[in-house]
Amino acid sequence: MSIEELRNKKIVVGKRETERAIKKNIAKKVFLARDVDEEVQKELIGILKEREIPWEYVPLAKDLGLACGIEIEASCAAIVED
């Protein structure tokens, strides 16, 4: 799969909103940008593994932002509804 999955789906963008979706158990899949802070990645991956939520890396935060329909970088995003 790829970040194309984000198109035409209900999503949340950014660390705060993604964490909130994970904690509310509404995140279906999470995308993490590889070029963001390693601590941010480790923190989210720990939660994702604990809750058994699928996740995928995206090479660049810029590309993730564009796939989410925003013109700025996005460290992460989550699909919250199919």
N, C-alpha and C. Protein backbone atom coordinates (compact mmCIF):
# COMPACT_ATOMS: atom_id res chain seq x y z
N MET A 1 0.85 -1.19 0.00
CA MET A 1 0.00 0.00 0.00
C MET A 1 0.88 1.24 0.00
N SER A 2 0.23 2.39 -0.10
CA SER A 2 1.00 3.62 -0.13
C SER A 2 0.17 4.76 0.42
N ILE A 3 0.77 5.94 0.39
CA ILE A 3 0.06 7.10 0.92
C ILE A 3 -1.16 7.47 0.08
N GLU A 4 -1.30 6.84 -1.07
CA GLU A 4 -2.50 7.05 -1.88
C GLU A 4 -3.76 6.63 -1.12
N GLU A 5 -3.58 5.76 -0.13
CA GLU A 5 -4.71 5.32 0.71
C GLU A 5 -5.36 6.49 1.43
N LEU A 6 -4.62 7.58 1.62
CA LEU A 6 -5.14 8.73 2.36
C LEU A 6 -6.19 9.51 1.57
N ARG A 7 -6.14 9.38 0.27
CA ARG A 7 -7.09 10.12 -0.57
C ARG A 7 -8.50 9.55 -0.41
N ASN A 8 -9.45 10.43 -0.36
CA ASN A 8 -10.87 10.07 -0.26
C ASN A 8 -11.23 9.29 1.00
N LYS A 9 -10.47 9.47 2.05
CA LYS A 9 -10.77 8.85 3.33
C LYS A 9 -10.78 9.94 4.39
N LYS A 10 -11.44 9.68 5.48
CA LYS A 10 -11.40 10.61 6.60
C LYS A 10 -10.08 10.41 7.33
N ILE A 11 -9.34 11.49 7.48
CA ILE A 11 -8.01 11.40 8.09
C ILE A 11 -7.82 12.48 9.15
N VAL A 12 -6.81 12.27 9.97
CA VAL A 12 -6.31 13.31 10.87
C VAL A 12 -4.83 13.46 10.56
N VAL A 13 -4.32 14.67 10.76
CA VAL A 13 -2.95 14.97 10.39
C VAL A 13 -2.22 15.59 11.57
N GLY A 14 -0.97 15.18 11.76
CA GLY A 14 -0.13 15.75 12.81
C GLY A 14 -0.06 14.84 14.02
N LYS A 15 0.98 15.04 14.81
CA LYS A 15 1.24 14.17 15.96
C LYS A 15 0.12 14.21 16.98
N ARG A 16 -0.32 15.39 17.35
CA ARG A 16 -1.35 15.50 18.39
C ARG A 16 -2.65 14.82 17.97
N GLU A 17 -3.10 15.10 16.76
CA GLU A 17 -4.36 14.52 16.28
C GLU A 17 -4.24 13.01 16.05
N THR A 18 -3.08 12.58 15.58
CA THR A 18 -2.87 11.15 15.37
C THR A 18 -2.87 10.40 16.70
N GLU A 19 -2.16 10.94 17.69
CA GLU A 19 -2.17 10.32 19.02
C GLU A 19 -3.58 10.25 19.58
N ARG A 20 -4.34 11.31 19.41
CA ARG A 20 -5.71 11.34 19.91
C ARG A 20 -6.55 10.24 19.24
N ALA A 21 -6.40 10.08 17.93
CA ALA A 21 -7.14 9.05 17.20
C ALA A 21 -6.75 7.65 17.67
N ILE A 22 -5.46 7.45 17.93
CA ILE A 22 -4.99 6.15 18.42
C ILE A 22 -5.60 5.86 19.78
N LYS A 23 -5.55 6.83 20.67
CA LYS A 23 -6.05 6.63 22.03
C LYS A 23 -7.57 6.44 22.08
N LYS A 24 -8.28 7.02 21.11
CA LYS A 24 -9.74 6.85 21.03
C LYS A 24 -10.12 5.57 20.28
N ASN A 25 -9.11 4.83 19.83
CA ASN A 25 -9.32 3.60 19.07
C ASN A 25 -10.08 3.81 17.76
N ILE A 26 -9.85 4.94 17.12
CA ILE A 26 -10.49 5.18 15.82
C ILE A 26 -9.49 5.18 14.67
N ALA A 27 -8.20 5.09 14.97
CA ALA A 27 -7.18 5.05 13.91
C ALA A 27 -7.18 3.67 13.28
N LYS A 28 -7.35 3.63 11.96
CA LYS A 28 -7.34 2.36 11.22
C LYS A 28 -5.95 2.03 10.72
N LYS A 29 -5.19 3.05 10.33
CA LYS A 29 -3.82 2.89 9.85
C LYS A 29 -3.11 4.23 10.01
N VAL A 30 -1.82 4.18 10.34
CA VAL A 30 -1.04 5.40 10.56
C VAL A 30 0.14 5.43 9.59
N PHE A 31 0.43 6.62 9.10
CA PHE A 31 1.58 6.85 8.24
C PHE A 31 2.55 7.76 8.98
N LEU A 32 3.83 7.36 9.01
CA LEU A 32 4.87 8.13 9.70
C LEU A 32 5.93 8.57 8.70
N ALA A 33 6.31 9.83 8.77
CA ALA A 33 7.39 10.33 7.90
C ALA A 33 8.73 9.93 8.50
N ARG A 34 9.60 9.35 7.68
CA ARG A 34 10.91 8.91 8.14
C ARG A 34 11.84 10.06 8.50
N ASP A 35 11.61 11.22 7.92
CA ASP A 35 12.55 12.33 8.13
C ASP A 35 12.18 13.25 9.30
N VAL A 36 11.34 12.77 10.20
CA VAL A 36 11.03 13.56 11.40
C VAL A 36 11.78 13.00 12.60
N ASP A 37 11.73 13.72 13.69
CA ASP A 37 12.45 13.37 14.90
C ASP A 37 12.28 11.90 15.28
N GLU A 38 13.39 11.24 15.54
CA GLU A 38 13.37 9.82 15.87
C GLU A 38 12.57 9.52 17.14
N GLU A 39 12.58 10.42 18.10
CA GLU A 39 11.82 10.22 19.34
C GLU A 39 10.32 10.22 19.06
N VAL A 40 9.87 11.09 18.16
CA VAL A 40 8.45 11.11 17.77
C VAL A 40 8.08 9.77 17.16
N GLN A 41 8.94 9.27 16.27
CA GLN A 41 8.68 7.98 15.64
C GLN A 41 8.60 6.86 16.67
N LYS A 42 9.58 6.78 17.56
CA LYS A 42 9.61 5.71 18.56
C LYS A 42 8.39 5.74 19.46
N GLU A 43 8.01 6.94 19.87
CA GLU A 43 6.85 7.08 20.75
C GLU A 43 5.58 6.55 20.08
N LEU A 44 5.35 6.99 18.86
CA LEU A 44 4.15 6.55 18.15
C LEU A 44 4.19 5.07 17.82
N ILE A 45 5.33 4.57 17.39
CA ILE A 45 5.43 3.15 17.04
C ILE A 45 5.16 2.28 18.26
N GLY A 46 5.62 2.71 19.42
CA GLY A 46 5.34 1.97 20.65
C GLY A 46 3.85 1.84 20.91
N ILE A 47 3.14 2.94 20.77
CA ILE A 47 1.68 2.94 20.98
C ILE A 47 0.99 2.08 19.91
N LEU A 48 1.45 2.21 18.66
CA LEU A 48 0.85 1.46 17.56
C LEU A 48 1.01 -0.04 17.75
N LYS A 49 2.20 -0.46 18.15
CA LYS A 49 2.43 -1.89 18.38
C LYS A 49 1.59 -2.40 19.54
N GLU A 50 1.50 -1.59 20.60
CA GLU A 50 0.72 -1.97 21.77
C GLU A 50 -0.75 -2.18 21.42
N ARG A 51 -1.27 -1.32 20.55
CA ARG A 51 -2.69 -1.40 20.18
C ARG A 51 -2.93 -2.18 18.89
N GLU A 52 -1.85 -2.71 18.33
CA GLU A 52 -1.92 -3.52 17.10
C GLU A 52 -2.58 -2.77 15.94
N ILE A 53 -2.17 -1.53 15.75
CA ILE A 53 -2.66 -0.71 14.65
C ILE A 53 -1.60 -0.73 13.55
N PRO A 54 -1.98 -1.04 12.32
CA PRO A 54 -1.00 -1.07 11.23
C PRO A 54 -0.43 0.33 10.96
N TRP A 55 0.84 0.35 10.57
CA TRP A 55 1.47 1.62 10.24
C TRP A 55 2.46 1.40 9.11
N GLU A 56 2.81 2.51 8.48
CA GLU A 56 3.69 2.46 7.32
C GLU A 56 4.54 3.72 7.29
N TYR A 57 5.80 3.56 6.89
CA TYR A 57 6.67 4.72 6.73
C TYR A 57 6.45 5.39 5.39
N VAL A 58 6.61 6.71 5.38
CA VAL A 58 6.62 7.53 4.18
C VAL A 58 7.98 8.21 4.18
N PRO A 59 8.69 8.23 3.05
CA PRO A 59 10.05 8.79 3.06
C PRO A 59 10.16 10.24 3.54
N LEU A 60 9.26 11.11 3.10
CA LEU A 60 9.39 12.53 3.40
C LEU A 60 8.11 13.13 4.00
N ALA A 61 8.28 13.96 5.01
CA ALA A 61 7.15 14.65 5.64
C ALA A 61 6.46 15.57 4.63
N LYS A 62 7.23 16.12 3.71
CA LYS A 62 6.65 16.98 2.68
C LYS A 62 5.65 16.20 1.82
N ASP A 63 6.04 14.99 1.41
CA ASP A 63 5.16 14.14 0.60
C ASP A 63 3.92 13.72 1.38
N LEU A 64 4.09 13.43 2.66
CA LEU A 64 2.94 13.06 3.49
C LEU A 64 1.97 14.23 3.60
N GLY A 65 2.49 15.42 3.81
CA GLY A 65 1.64 16.61 3.87
C GLY A 65 0.84 16.80 2.59
N LEU A 66 1.52 16.67 1.45
CA LEU A 66 0.84 16.84 0.16
C LEU A 66 -0.24 15.77 -0.04
N ALA A 67 0.05 14.53 0.36
CA ALA A 67 -0.94 13.46 0.24
C ALA A 67 -2.16 13.72 1.12
N CYS A 68 -1.95 14.48 2.20
CA CYS A 68 -3.06 14.82 3.10
C CYS A 68 -3.80 16.08 2.65
N GLY A 69 -3.32 16.69 1.58
CA GLY A 69 -3.99 17.87 1.05
C GLY A 69 -3.58 19.17 1.71
N ILE A 70 -2.40 19.17 2.35
CA ILE A 70 -1.89 20.40 2.97
C ILE A 70 -0.55 20.75 2.33
N GLU A 71 -0.19 22.00 2.40
CA GLU A 71 1.03 22.45 1.73
C GLU A 71 2.21 22.57 2.68
N ILE A 72 2.11 21.95 3.84
CA ILE A 72 3.22 21.93 4.79
C ILE A 72 3.55 20.49 5.13
N GLU A 73 4.70 20.31 5.76
CA GLU A 73 5.11 18.96 6.14
C GLU A 73 4.18 18.38 7.21
N ALA A 74 4.03 17.06 7.17
CA ALA A 74 3.24 16.35 8.19
C ALA A 74 4.10 15.22 8.75
N SER A 75 4.27 15.20 10.06
CA SER A 75 5.09 14.14 10.68
C SER A 75 4.37 12.80 10.64
N CYS A 76 3.05 12.86 10.73
CA CYS A 76 2.25 11.63 10.70
C CYS A 76 0.81 11.96 10.34
N ALA A 77 0.10 10.92 9.98
CA ALA A 77 -1.33 11.05 9.67
C ALA A 77 -1.98 9.70 9.90
N ALA A 78 -3.27 9.72 10.18
CA ALA A 78 -4.00 8.48 10.42
C ALA A 78 -5.30 8.46 9.64
N ILE A 79 -5.60 7.30 9.09
CA ILE A 79 -6.91 7.08 8.49
C ILE A 79 -7.83 6.73 9.66
N VAL A 80 -8.93 7.46 9.79
CA VAL A 80 -9.84 7.20 10.91
C VAL A 80 -11.18 6.62 10.47
N GLU A 81 -11.38 6.55 9.18
CA GLU A 81 -12.63 5.98 8.67
C GLU A 81 -12.40 5.51 7.25
N ASP A 82 -12.87 4.33 6.91
CA ASP A 82 -12.70 3.81 5.56
C ASP A 82 -13.62 4.49 4.58
